[in-house]
PDB file of all heavy atoms in Angstrom:
ATOM      1  N   CYS A   1     118.177  87.995 145.977  1.00  0.00           N
ATOM      2  CA  CYS A   1     119.416  88.770 146.118  1.00  0.00           C
ATOM      3  C   CYS A   1     119.192  90.237 145.772  1.00  0.00           C
ATOM      4  O   CYS A   1     119.641  91.138 146.484  1.00  0.00           O
ATOM      5  CB  CYS A   1     120.517  88.192 145.228  1.00  0.00           C
ATOM      6  SG  CYS A   1     121.384  86.769 145.952  1.00  0.00           S
ATOM      7  N   PHE A   2     118.486  90.474 144.675  1.00  0.00           N
ATOM      8  CA  PHE A   2     118.282  91.856 144.248  1.00  0.00           C
ATOM      9  C   PHE A   2     117.408  92.624 145.245  1.00  0.00           C
ATOM     10  O   PHE A   2     117.623  93.811 145.479  1.00  0.00           O
ATOM     11  CB  PHE A   2     117.662  91.881 142.845  1.00  0.00           C
ATOM     12  CG  PHE A   2     118.567  91.321 141.788  1.00  0.00           C
ATOM     13  CD1 PHE A   2     118.111  90.366 140.895  1.00  0.00           C
ATOM     14  CD2 PHE A   2     119.887  91.737 141.694  1.00  0.00           C
ATOM     15  CE1 PHE A   2     118.945  89.840 139.920  1.00  0.00           C
ATOM     16  CE2 PHE A   2     120.740  91.217 140.722  1.00  0.00           C
ATOM     17  CZ  PHE A   2     120.262  90.266 139.836  1.00  0.00           C
ATOM     18  N   SER A   3     116.451  91.949 145.855  1.00  0.00           N
ATOM     19  CA  SER A   3     115.615  92.592 146.876  1.00  0.00           C
ATOM     20  C   SER A   3     116.449  92.978 148.093  1.00  0.00           C
ATOM     21  O   SER A   3     116.263  94.050 148.677  1.00  0.00           O
ATOM     22  CB  SER A   3     114.476  91.659 147.300  1.00  0.00           C
ATOM     23  OG  SER A   3     113.603  91.406 146.224  1.00  0.00           O
ATOM     24  N   GLU A   4     117.359  92.091 148.473  1.00  0.00           N
ATOM     25  CA  GLU A   4     118.247  92.392 149.605  1.00  0.00           C
ATOM     26  C   GLU A   4     119.123  93.603 149.293  1.00  0.00           C
ATOM     27  O   GLU A   4     119.295  94.499 150.126  1.00  0.00           O
ATOM     28  CB  GLU A   4     119.119  91.170 149.916  1.00  0.00           C
ATOM     29  CG  GLU A   4     118.343  89.996 150.493  1.00  0.00           C
ATOM     30  CD  GLU A   4     119.171  88.722 150.555  1.00  0.00           C
ATOM     31  OE1 GLU A   4     120.309  88.711 150.037  1.00  0.00           O
ATOM     32  OE2 GLU A   4     118.680  87.729 151.135  1.00  0.00           O
ATOM     33  N   GLU A   5     119.659  93.646 148.083  1.00  0.00           N
ATOM     34  CA  GLU A   5     120.522  94.762 147.696  1.00  0.00           C
ATOM     35  C   GLU A   5     119.742  96.075 147.628  1.00  0.00           C
ATOM     36  O   GLU A   5     120.242  97.132 148.043  1.00  0.00           O
ATOM     37  CB  GLU A   5     121.170  94.453 146.342  1.00  0.00           C
ATOM     38  CG  GLU A   5     122.171  93.304 146.419  1.00  0.00           C
ATOM     39  CD  GLU A   5     122.608  92.815 145.050  1.00  0.00           C
ATOM     40  OE1 GLU A   5     122.530  93.598 144.089  1.00  0.00           O
ATOM     41  OE2 GLU A   5     123.027  91.648 144.944  1.00  0.00           O
ATOM     42  N   ASP A   6     118.500  96.014 147.120  1.00  0.00           N
ATOM     43  CA  ASP A   6     117.663  97.215 147.054  1.00  0.00           C
ATOM     44  C   ASP A   6     117.366  97.762 148.443  1.00  0.00           C
ATOM     45  O   ASP A   6     117.134  98.965 148.614  1.00  0.00           O
ATOM     46  CB  ASP A   6     116.350  96.909 146.328  1.00  0.00           C
ATOM     47  CG  ASP A   6     116.553  96.639 144.836  1.00  0.00           C
ATOM     48  OD1 ASP A   6     117.629  97.006 144.317  1.00  0.00           O
ATOM     49  OD2 ASP A   6     115.640  96.061 144.211  1.00  0.00           O
ATOM     50  N   ALA A   7     117.384  96.860 149.438  1.00  0.00           N
ATOM     51  CA  ALA A   7     117.132  97.275 150.826  1.00  0.00           C
ATOM     52  C   ALA A   7     118.413  97.670 151.546  1.00  0.00           C
ATOM     53  O   ALA A   7     118.401  97.962 152.745  1.00  0.00           O
ATOM     54  CB  ALA A   7     116.435  96.143 151.578  1.00  0.00           C
ATOM     55  N   GLY A   8     119.532  97.656 150.827  1.00  0.00           N
ATOM     56  CA  GLY A   8     120.805  98.052 151.426  1.00  0.00           C
ATOM     57  C   GLY A   8     121.533  96.948 152.145  1.00  0.00           C
ATOM     58  O   GLY A   8     122.489  97.202 152.883  1.00  0.00           O
ATOM     59  N   VAL A   9     121.104  95.685 151.934  1.00  0.00           N
ATOM     60  CA  VAL A   9     121.725  94.535 152.595  1.00  0.00           C
ATOM     61  C   VAL A   9     122.657  93.832 151.608  1.00  0.00           C
ATOM     62  O   VAL A   9     122.322  93.665 150.436  1.00  0.00           O
ATOM     63  CB  VAL A   9     120.648  93.542 153.086  1.00  0.00           C
ATOM     64  CG1 VAL A   9     121.293  92.312 153.703  1.00  0.00           C
ATOM     65  CG2 VAL A   9     119.709  94.227 154.069  1.00  0.00           C
ATOM     66  N   LYS A  10     123.828  93.431 152.086  1.00  0.00           N
ATOM     67  CA  LYS A  10     124.757  92.694 151.232  1.00  0.00           C
ATOM     68  C   LYS A  10     124.165  91.337 150.892  1.00  0.00           C
ATOM     69  O   LYS A  10     123.767  90.571 151.769  1.00  0.00           O
ATOM     70  CB  LYS A  10     126.100  92.516 151.937  1.00  0.00           C
ATOM     71  CG  LYS A  10     127.167  91.887 151.056  1.00  0.00           C
ATOM     72  CD  LYS A  10     128.513  91.850 151.774  1.00  0.00           C
ATOM     73  CE  LYS A  10     129.599  91.271 150.887  1.00  0.00           C
ATOM     74  NZ  LYS A  10     130.920  91.267 151.563  1.00  0.00           N
ATOM     75  N   SER A  11     124.103  91.014 149.613  1.00  0.00           N
ATOM     76  CA  SER A  11     123.448  89.790 149.163  1.00  0.00           C
ATOM     77  C   SER A  11     124.437  88.644 148.967  1.00  0.00           C
ATOM     78  O   SER A  11     125.655  88.845 148.928  1.00  0.00           O
ATOM     79  CB  SER A  11     122.728  90.039 147.839  1.00  0.00           C
ATOM     80  OG  SER A  11     123.682  90.219 146.793  1.00  0.00           O
ATOM     81  N   SER A  12     123.875  87.451 148.781  1.00  0.00           N
ATOM     82  CA  SER A  12     124.711  86.288 148.461  1.00  0.00           C
ATOM     83  C   SER A  12     125.416  86.493 147.126  1.00  0.00           C
ATOM     84  O   SER A  12     126.561  86.063 146.946  1.00  0.00           O
ATOM     85  CB  SER A  12     123.852  85.022 148.413  1.00  0.00           C
ATOM     86  OG  SER A  12     123.329  84.712 149.679  1.00  0.00           O
ATOM     87  N   ARG A  13     124.734  87.121 146.172  1.00  0.00           N
ATOM     88  CA  ARG A  13     125.354  87.400 144.869  1.00  0.00           C
ATOM     89  C   ARG A  13     126.660  88.174 145.050  1.00  0.00           C
ATOM     90  O   ARG A  13     127.701  87.818 144.477  1.00  0.00           O
ATOM     91  CB  ARG A  13     124.379  88.208 143.994  1.00  0.00           C
ATOM     92  CG  ARG A  13     124.923  88.559 142.606  1.00  0.00           C
ATOM     93  CD  ARG A  13     124.016  89.557 141.895  1.00  0.00           C
ATOM     94  NE  ARG A  13     124.199  90.902 142.417  1.00  0.00           N
ATOM     95  CZ  ARG A  13     125.108  91.774 141.981  1.00  0.00           C
ATOM     96  NH1 ARG A  13     125.948  91.428 141.008  1.00  0.00           N
ATOM     97  NH2 ARG A  13     125.202  92.974 142.517  1.00  0.00           N
ATOM     98  N   GLN A  14     126.608  89.217 145.854  1.00  0.00           N
ATOM     99  CA  GLN A  14     127.798  90.029 146.076  1.00  0.00           C
ATOM    100  C   GLN A  14     128.884  89.250 146.807  1.00  0.00           C
ATOM    101  O   GLN A  14     130.072  89.348 146.464  1.00  0.00           O
ATOM    102  CB  GLN A  14     127.404  91.292 146.861  1.00  0.00           C
ATOM    103  CG  GLN A  14     126.503  92.234 146.071  1.00  0.00           C
ATOM    104  CD  GLN A  14     125.910  93.329 146.916  1.00  0.00           C
ATOM    105  OE1 GLN A  14     125.494  93.099 148.062  1.00  0.00           O
ATOM    106  NE2 GLN A  14     125.838  94.547 146.381  1.00  0.00           N
ATOM    107  N   SER A  15     128.478  88.462 147.795  1.00  0.00           N
ATOM    108  CA  SER A  15     129.459  87.673 148.556  1.00  0.00           C
ATOM    109  C   SER A  15     130.121  86.620 147.681  1.00  0.00           C
ATOM    110  O   SER A  15     131.349  86.418 147.739  1.00  0.00           O
ATOM    111  CB  SER A  15     128.775  87.002 149.758  1.00  0.00           C
ATOM    112  OG  SER A  15     128.290  87.965 150.663  1.00  0.00           O
ATOM    113  N   PHE A  16     129.322  85.930 146.858  1.00  0.00           N
ATOM    114  CA  PHE A  16     129.896  84.909 145.981  1.00  0.00           C
ATOM    115  C   PHE A  16     130.802  85.532 144.921  1.00  0.00           C
ATOM    116  O   PHE A  16     131.839  84.957 144.568  1.00  0.00           O
ATOM    117  CB  PHE A  16     128.790  84.083 145.322  1.00  0.00           C
ATOM    118  CG  PHE A  16     128.228  83.005 146.210  1.00  0.00           C
ATOM    119  CD1 PHE A  16     126.890  82.999 146.576  1.00  0.00           C
ATOM    120  CD2 PHE A  16     129.047  81.988 146.683  1.00  0.00           C
ATOM    121  CE1 PHE A  16     126.381  82.005 147.395  1.00  0.00           C
ATOM    122  CE2 PHE A  16     128.546  80.985 147.510  1.00  0.00           C
ATOM    123  CZ  PHE A  16     127.207  80.996 147.863  1.00  0.00           C
ATOM    124  N   ASN A  17     130.430  86.688 144.418  1.00  0.00           N
ATOM    125  CA  ASN A  17     131.309  87.358 143.445  1.00  0.00           C
ATOM    126  C   ASN A  17     132.656  87.694 144.078  1.00  0.00           C
ATOM    127  O   ASN A  17     133.714  87.527 143.465  1.00  0.00           O
ATOM    128  CB  ASN A  17     130.651  88.632 142.923  1.00  0.00           C
ATOM    129  CG  ASN A  17     129.617  88.351 141.846  1.00  0.00           C
ATOM    130  OD1 ASN A  17     129.530  87.249 141.323  1.00  0.00           O
ATOM    131  ND2 ASN A  17     128.822  89.357 141.510  1.00  0.00           N
ATOM    132  N   GLU A  18     132.627  88.171 145.321  1.00  0.00           N
ATOM    133  CA  GLU A  18     133.878  88.493 146.017  1.00  0.00           C
ATOM    134  C   GLU A  18     134.731  87.253 146.229  1.00  0.00           C
ATOM    135  O   GLU A  18     135.957  87.288 146.100  1.00  0.00           O
ATOM    136  CB  GLU A  18     133.566  89.143 147.373  1.00  0.00           C
ATOM    137  CG  GLU A  18     133.025  90.554 147.276  1.00  0.00           C
ATOM    138  CD  GLU A  18     132.674  91.120 148.644  1.00  0.00           C
ATOM    139  OE1 GLU A  18     132.935  90.424 149.668  1.00  0.00           O
ATOM    140  OE2 GLU A  18     132.137  92.238 148.706  1.00  0.00           O
ATOM    141  N   GLY A  19     134.073  86.134 146.555  1.00  0.00           N
ATOM    142  CA  GLY A  19     134.825  84.929 146.887  1.00  0.00           C
ATOM    143  C   GLY A  19     135.239  84.079 145.705  1.00  0.00           C
ATOM    144  O   GLY A  19     136.234  83.348 145.777  1.00  0.00           O
ATOM    145  N   TRP A  20     134.483  84.175 144.589  1.00  0.00           N
ATOM    146  CA  TRP A  20     134.698  83.218 143.513  1.00  0.00           C
ATOM    147  C   TRP A  20     135.035  83.823 142.154  1.00  0.00           C
ATOM    148  O   TRP A  20     135.535  83.107 141.282  1.00  0.00           O
ATOM    149  CB  TRP A  20     133.458  82.329 143.351  1.00  0.00           C
ATOM    150  CG  TRP A  20     133.368  81.279 144.402  1.00  0.00           C
ATOM    151  CD1 TRP A  20     132.588  81.301 145.514  1.00  0.00           C
ATOM    152  CD2 TRP A  20     134.102  80.053 144.465  1.00  0.00           C
ATOM    153  NE1 TRP A  20     132.761  80.167 146.268  1.00  0.00           N
ATOM    154  CE2 TRP A  20     133.700  79.377 145.643  1.00  0.00           C
ATOM    155  CE3 TRP A  20     135.046  79.445 143.650  1.00  0.00           C
ATOM    156  CZ2 TRP A  20     134.210  78.137 146.010  1.00  0.00           C
ATOM    157  CZ3 TRP A  20     135.556  78.214 144.011  1.00  0.00           C
ATOM    158  CH2 TRP A  20     135.138  77.572 145.182  1.00  0.00           C
ATOM    159  N   TYR A  21     134.762  85.121 141.957  1.00  0.00           N
ATOM    160  CA  TYR A  21     135.071  85.671 140.638  1.00  0.00           C
ATOM    161  C   TYR A  21     136.577  85.869 140.481  1.00  0.00           C
ATOM    162  O   TYR A  21     137.229  86.496 141.299  1.00  0.00           O
ATOM    163  CB  TYR A  21     134.362  87.002 140.385  1.00  0.00           C
ATOM    164  CG  TYR A  21     134.751  87.581 139.035  1.00  0.00           C
ATOM    165  CD1 TYR A  21     134.275  87.003 137.867  1.00  0.00           C
ATOM    166  CD2 TYR A  21     135.644  88.642 138.938  1.00  0.00           C
ATOM    167  CE1 TYR A  21     134.655  87.486 136.620  1.00  0.00           C
ATOM    168  CE2 TYR A  21     136.033  89.134 137.703  1.00  0.00           C
ATOM    169  CZ  TYR A  21     135.532  88.550 136.542  1.00  0.00           C
ATOM    170  OH  TYR A  21     135.931  89.022 135.320  1.00  0.00           O
ATOM    171  N   ARG A  22     137.107  85.284 139.417  1.00  0.00           N
ATOM    172  CA  ARG A  22     138.516  85.463 139.072  1.00  0.00           C
ATOM    173  C   ARG A  22     138.622  85.620 137.562  1.00  0.00           C
ATOM    174  O   ARG A  22     137.715  85.247 136.811  1.00  0.00           O
ATOM    175  CB  ARG A  22     139.349  84.260 139.542  1.00  0.00           C
ATOM    176  CG  ARG A  22     139.327  84.054 141.046  1.00  0.00           C
ATOM    177  CD  ARG A  22     140.389  83.054 141.495  1.00  0.00           C
ATOM    178  NE  ARG A  22     140.169  81.716 140.998  1.00  0.00           N
ATOM    179  CZ  ARG A  22     139.454  80.778 141.639  1.00  0.00           C
ATOM    180  NH1 ARG A  22     138.879  81.081 142.797  1.00  0.00           N
ATOM    181  NH2 ARG A  22     139.325  79.569 141.133  1.00  0.00           N
ATOM    182  N   GLU A  23     139.743  86.126 137.105  1.00  0.00           N
ATOM    183  CA  GLU A  23     139.925  86.383 135.676  1.00  0.00           C
ATOM    184  C   GLU A  23     139.875  85.102 134.848  1.00  0.00           C
ATOM    185  O   GLU A  23     139.546  85.127 133.663  1.00  0.00           O
ATOM    186  CB  GLU A  23     141.262  87.099 135.432  1.00  0.00           C
ATOM    187  CG  GLU A  23     141.313  88.509 135.996  1.00  0.00           C
ATOM    188  CD  GLU A  23     140.300  89.443 135.354  1.00  0.00           C
ATOM    189  OE1 GLU A  23     139.993  89.257 134.156  1.00  0.00           O
ATOM    190  OE2 GLU A  23     139.814  90.354 136.050  1.00  0.00           O
ATOM    191  N   ASP A  24     140.187  83.954 135.472  1.00  0.00           N
ATOM    192  CA  ASP A  24     140.209  82.714 134.686  1.00  0.00           C
ATOM    193  C   ASP A  24     138.840  82.049 134.575  1.00  0.00           C
ATOM    194  O   ASP A  24     138.706  80.984 133.971  1.00  0.00           O
ATOM    195  CB  ASP A  24     141.226  81.726 135.254  1.00  0.00           C
ATOM    196  CG  ASP A  24     140.861  81.254 136.661  1.00  0.00           C
ATOM    197  OD1 ASP A  24     140.106  81.968 137.346  1.00  0.00           O
ATOM    198  OD2 ASP A  24     141.336  80.182 137.062  1.00  0.00           O
ATOM    199  N   VAL A  25     137.796  82.662 135.160  1.00  0.00           N
ATOM    200  CA  VAL A  25     136.442  82.166 134.950  1.00  0.00           C
ATOM    201  C   VAL A  25     135.997  82.647 133.573  1.00  0.00           C
ATOM    202  O   VAL A  25     135.889  83.848 133.328  1.00  0.00           O
ATOM    203  CB  VAL A  25     135.474  82.681 136.036  1.00  0.00           C
ATOM    204  CG1 VAL A  25     134.051  82.203 135.731  1.00  0.00           C
ATOM    205  CG2 VAL A  25     135.901  82.182 137.410  1.00  0.00           C
ATOM    206  N   ASP A  26     135.755  81.709 132.670  1.00  0.00           N
ATOM    207  CA  ASP A  26     135.459  82.046 131.276  1.00  0.00           C
ATOM    208  C   ASP A  26     133.986  82.436 131.130  1.00  0.00           C
ATOM    209  O   ASP A  26     133.093  81.595 131.172  1.00  0.00           O
ATOM    210  CB  ASP A  26     135.790  80.850 130.371  1.00  0.00           C
ATOM    211  CG  ASP A  26     135.795  81.235 128.896  1.00  0.00           C
ATOM    212  OD1 ASP A  26     135.292  82.319 128.568  1.00  0.00           O
ATOM    213  OD2 ASP A  26     136.315  80.442 128.095  1.00  0.00           O
ATOM    214  N   LEU A  27     133.737  83.717 130.921  1.00  0.00           N
ATOM    215  CA  LEU A  27     132.372  84.215 130.777  1.00  0.00           C
ATOM    216  C   LEU A  27     131.903  84.219 129.328  1.00  0.00           C
ATOM    217  O   LEU A  27     130.743  84.512 129.048  1.00  0.00           O
ATOM    218  CB  LEU A  27     132.275  85.640 131.341  1.00  0.00           C
ATOM    219  CG  LEU A  27     132.759  85.837 132.777  1.00  0.00           C
ATOM    220  CD1 LEU A  27     132.538  87.280 133.210  1.00  0.00           C
ATOM    221  CD2 LEU A  27     132.056  84.885 133.733  1.00  0.00           C
ATOM    222  N   SER A  28     132.791  83.899 128.415  1.00  0.00           N
ATOM    223  CA  SER A  28     132.425  83.932 126.990  1.00  0.00           C
ATOM    224  C   SER A  28     131.745  82.649 126.540  1.00  0.00           C
ATOM    225  O   SER A  28     131.087  82.619 125.508  1.00  0.00           O
ATOM    226  CB  SER A  28     133.670  84.171 126.134  1.00  0.00           C
ATOM    227  OG  SER A  28     134.572  83.073 126.238  1.00  0.00           O
ATOM    228  N   VAL A  29     131.899  81.586 127.331  1.00  0.00           N
ATOM    229  CA  VAL A  29     131.340  80.291 126.949  1.00  0.00           C
ATOM    230  C   VAL A  29     130.008  80.084 127.662  1.00  0.00           C
ATOM    231  O   VAL A  29     129.952  79.906 128.877  1.00  0.00           O
ATOM    232  CB  VAL A  29     132.306  79.133 127.297  1.00  0.00           C
ATOM    233  CG1 VAL A  29     131.690  77.801 126.874  1.00  0.00           C
ATOM    234  CG2 VAL A  29     133.643  79.345 126.604  1.00  0.00           C
ATOM    235  N   ILE A  30     128.920  80.147 126.912  1.00  0.00           N
ATOM    236  CA  ILE A  30     127.588  79.988 127.481  1.00  0.00           C
ATOM    237  C   ILE A  30     127.225  78.518 127.610  1.00  0.00           C
ATOM    238  O   ILE A  30     126.516  78.094 128.503  1.00  0.00           O
ATOM    239  CB  ILE A  30     126.539  80.722 126.610  1.00  0.00           C
ATOM    240  CG1 ILE A  30     126.889  82.212 126.476  1.00  0.00           C
ATOM    241  CG2 ILE A  30     125.142  80.565 127.202  1.00  0.00           C
ATOM    242  CD1 ILE A  30     126.944  82.936 127.798  1.00  0.00           C
ATOM    243  N   GLN A  31     127.737  77.685 126.703  1.00  0.00           N
ATOM    244  CA  GLN A  31     127.440  76.258 126.710  1.00  0.00           C
ATOM    245  C   GLN A  31     128.719  75.440 126.540  1.00  0.00           C
ATOM    246  O   GLN A  31     129.805  75.975 126.304  1.00  0.00           O
ATOM    247  CB  GLN A  31     126.467  75.906 125.582  1.00  0.00           C
ATOM    248  CG  GLN A  31     125.017  76.245 125.870  1.00  0.00           C
ATOM    249  CD  GLN A  31     124.113  75.727 124.764  1.00  0.00           C
ATOM    250  OE1 GLN A  31     124.308  76.012 123.602  1.00  0.00           O
ATOM    251  NE2 GLN A  31     123.102  74.963 125.147  1.00  0.00           N
ATOM    252  N   ASP A  32     128.539  74.131 126.692  1.00  0.00           N
ATOM    253  CA  ASP A  32     129.551  73.111 126.370  1.00  0.00           C
ATOM    254  C   ASP A  32     130.691  73.024 127.388  1.00  0.00           C
ATOM    255  O   ASP A  32     130.882  71.992 128.013  1.00  0.00           O
ATOM    256  CB  ASP A  32     130.122  73.324 124.967  1.00  0.00           C
ATOM    257  CG  ASP A  32     129.036  73.151 123.902  1.00  0.00           C
ATOM    258  OD1 ASP A  32     128.129  72.334 124.140  1.00  0.00           O
ATOM    259  OD2 ASP A  32     129.096  73.841 122.879  1.00  0.00           O
ATOM    260  N   LYS A  33     131.478  74.078 127.543  1.00  0.00           N
ATOM    261  CA  LYS A  33     132.627  73.991 128.433  1.00  0.00           C
ATOM    262  C   LYS A  33     132.172  73.923 129.891  1.00  0.00           C
ATOM    263  O   LYS A  33     131.569  74.859 130.404  1.00  0.00           O
ATOM    264  CB  LYS A  33     133.558  75.190 128.237  1.00  0.00           C
ATOM    265  CG  LYS A  33     134.798  75.143 129.126  1.00  0.00           C
ATOM    266  CD  LYS A  33     135.658  76.378 128.932  1.00  0.00           C
ATOM    267  CE  LYS A  33     136.866  76.355 129.873  1.00  0.00           C
ATOM    268  NZ  LYS A  33     137.692  77.580 129.728  1.00  0.00           N
ATOM    269  N   ILE A  34     132.467  72.806 130.552  1.00  0.00           N
ATOM    270  CA  ILE A  34     132.069  72.630 131.952  1.00  0.00           C
ATOM    271  C   ILE A  34     133.248  72.981 132.855  1.00  0.00           C
ATOM    272  O   ILE A  34     134.314  72.393 132.761  1.00  0.00           O
ATOM    273  CB  ILE A  34     131.605  71.180 132.211  1.00  0.00           C
ATOM    274  CG1 ILE A  34     130.398  70.847 131.323  1.00  0.00           C
ATOM    275  CG2 ILE A  34     131.247  70.988 133.675  1.00  0.00           C
ATOM    276  CD1 ILE A  34     129.910  69.425 131.460  1.00  0.00           C
ATOM    277  N   ASP A  35     133.027  73.959 133.704  1.00  0.00           N
ATOM    278  CA  ASP A  35     134.090  74.429 134.595  1.00  0.00           C
ATOM    279  C   ASP A  35     133.523  74.576 136.006  1.00  0.00           C
ATOM    280  O   ASP A  35     133.436  75.673 136.549  1.00  0.00           O
ATOM    281  CB  ASP A  35     134.640  75.760 134.077  1.00  0.00           C
ATOM    282  CG  ASP A  35     135.827  76.258 134.898  1.00  0.00           C
ATOM    283  OD1 ASP A  35     136.489  75.423 135.549  1.00  0.00           O
ATOM    284  OD2 ASP A  35     136.077  77.477 134.904  1.00  0.00           O
ATOM    285  N   VAL A  36     133.071  73.450 136.579  1.00  0.00           N
ATOM    286  CA  VAL A  36     132.439  73.477 137.903  1.00  0.00           C
ATOM    287  C   VAL A  36     133.512  73.481 138.981  1.00  0.00           C
ATOM    288  O   VAL A  36     134.282  72.530 139.106  1.00  0.00           O
ATOM    289  CB  VAL A  36     131.500  72.268 138.093  1.00  0.00           C
ATOM    290  CG1 VAL A  36     130.870  72.318 139.485  1.00  0.00           C
ATOM    291  CG2 VAL A  36     130.422  72.263 137.028  1.00  0.00           C
ATOM    292  N   ARG A  37     133.540  74.537 139.767  1.00  0.00           N
ATOM    293  CA  ARG A  37     134.545  74.672 140.830  1.00  0.00           C
ATOM    294  C   ARG A  37     133.949  74.505 142.228  1.00  0.00           C
ATOM    295  O   ARG A  37     134.647  74.140 143.159  1.00  0.00           O
ATOM    296  CB  ARG A  37     135.227  76.032 140.711  1.00  0.00           C
ATOM    297  CG  ARG A  37     135.796  76.278 139.318  1.00  0.00           C
ATOM    298  CD  ARG A  37     136.559  77.557 139.224  1.00  0.00           C
ATOM    299  NE  ARG A  37     137.006  77.818 137.853  1.00  0.00           N
ATOM    300  CZ  ARG A  37     137.905  78.715 137.516  1.00  0.00           C
ATOM    301  NH1 ARG A  37     138.480  79.459 138.452  1.00  0.00           N
ATOM    302  NH2 ARG A  37     138.238  78.896 136.252  1.00  0.00           N
ATOM    303  N   TYR A  38     132.653  74.797 142.342  1.00  0.00           N
ATOM    304  CA  TYR A  38     132.003  74.765 143.653  1.00  0.00           C
ATOM    305  C   TYR A  38     130.688  73.996 143.535  1.00  0.00           C
ATOM    306  O   TYR A  38     129.851  74.310 142.693  1.00  0.00           O
ATOM    307  CB  TYR A  38     131.759  76.202 144.114  1.00  0.00           C
ATOM    308  CG  TYR A  38     130.964  76.357 145.393  1.00  0.00           C
ATOM    309  CD1 TYR A  38     131.161  75.515 146.478  1.00  0.00           C
ATOM    310  CD2 TYR A  38     130.024  77.377 145.530  1.00  0.00           C
ATOM    311  CE1 TYR A  38     130.442  75.676 147.652  1.00  0.00           C
ATOM    312  CE2 TYR A  38     129.300  77.555 146.701  1.00  0.00           C
ATOM    313  CZ  TYR A  38     129.505  76.699 147.758  1.00  0.00           C
ATOM    314  OH  TYR A  38     128.797  76.858 148.919  1.00  0.00           O
TER     315      TYR A  38
END
Protein backbone atom coordinates (compact mmCIF):
# COMPACT_ATOMS: atom_id res chain seq x y z
CA CYS A 1 0.00 0.00 0.00
CA PHE A 2 2.72 2.46 0.94
CA SER A 3 4.59 1.79 -2.32
CA GLU A 4 1.42 2.50 -4.29
CA GLU A 5 0.89 5.75 -2.40
CA ASP A 6 4.52 6.81 -2.90
CA ALA A 7 3.93 6.34 -6.64
CA GLY A 8 0.84 8.55 -6.52
CA VAL A 9 -1.66 5.67 -6.76
CA LYS A 10 -4.64 5.39 -4.41
CA SER A 11 -4.02 2.38 -2.18
CA SER A 12 -6.27 -0.19 -0.56
CA ARG A 13 -5.38 1.37 2.81
CA GLN A 14 -6.86 4.68 1.71
CA SER A 15 -9.93 3.06 0.17
CA PHE A 16 -10.64 0.95 3.25
CA ASN A 17 -10.21 3.96 5.53
CA GLU A 18 -12.77 5.87 3.44
CA GLY A 19 -15.22 2.98 3.50
CA TRP A 20 -14.80 1.65 7.02
CA TYR A 21 -13.36 4.25 9.39
CA ARG A 22 -16.02 5.64 11.71
CA GLU A 23 -15.93 7.34 15.09
CA ASP A 24 -17.31 4.22 16.80
CA VAL A 25 -14.29 2.11 15.80
CA ASP A 26 -12.42 1.88 19.11
CA LEU A 27 -8.73 2.58 18.47
CA SER A 28 -7.81 2.65 22.15
CA VAL A 29 -8.25 -1.10 22.63
CA ILE A 30 -5.22 -3.00 21.33
CA GLN A 31 -6.31 -6.37 22.74
CA ASP A 32 -9.28 -8.29 24.15
CA LYS A 33 -12.23 -6.36 22.71
CA ILE A 34 -13.27 -8.10 19.48
CA ASP A 35 -15.10 -5.84 17.08
CA VAL A 36 -14.97 -7.66 13.72
CA ARG A 37 -17.19 -5.92 11.18
CA TYR A 38 -15.73 -7.13 7.89
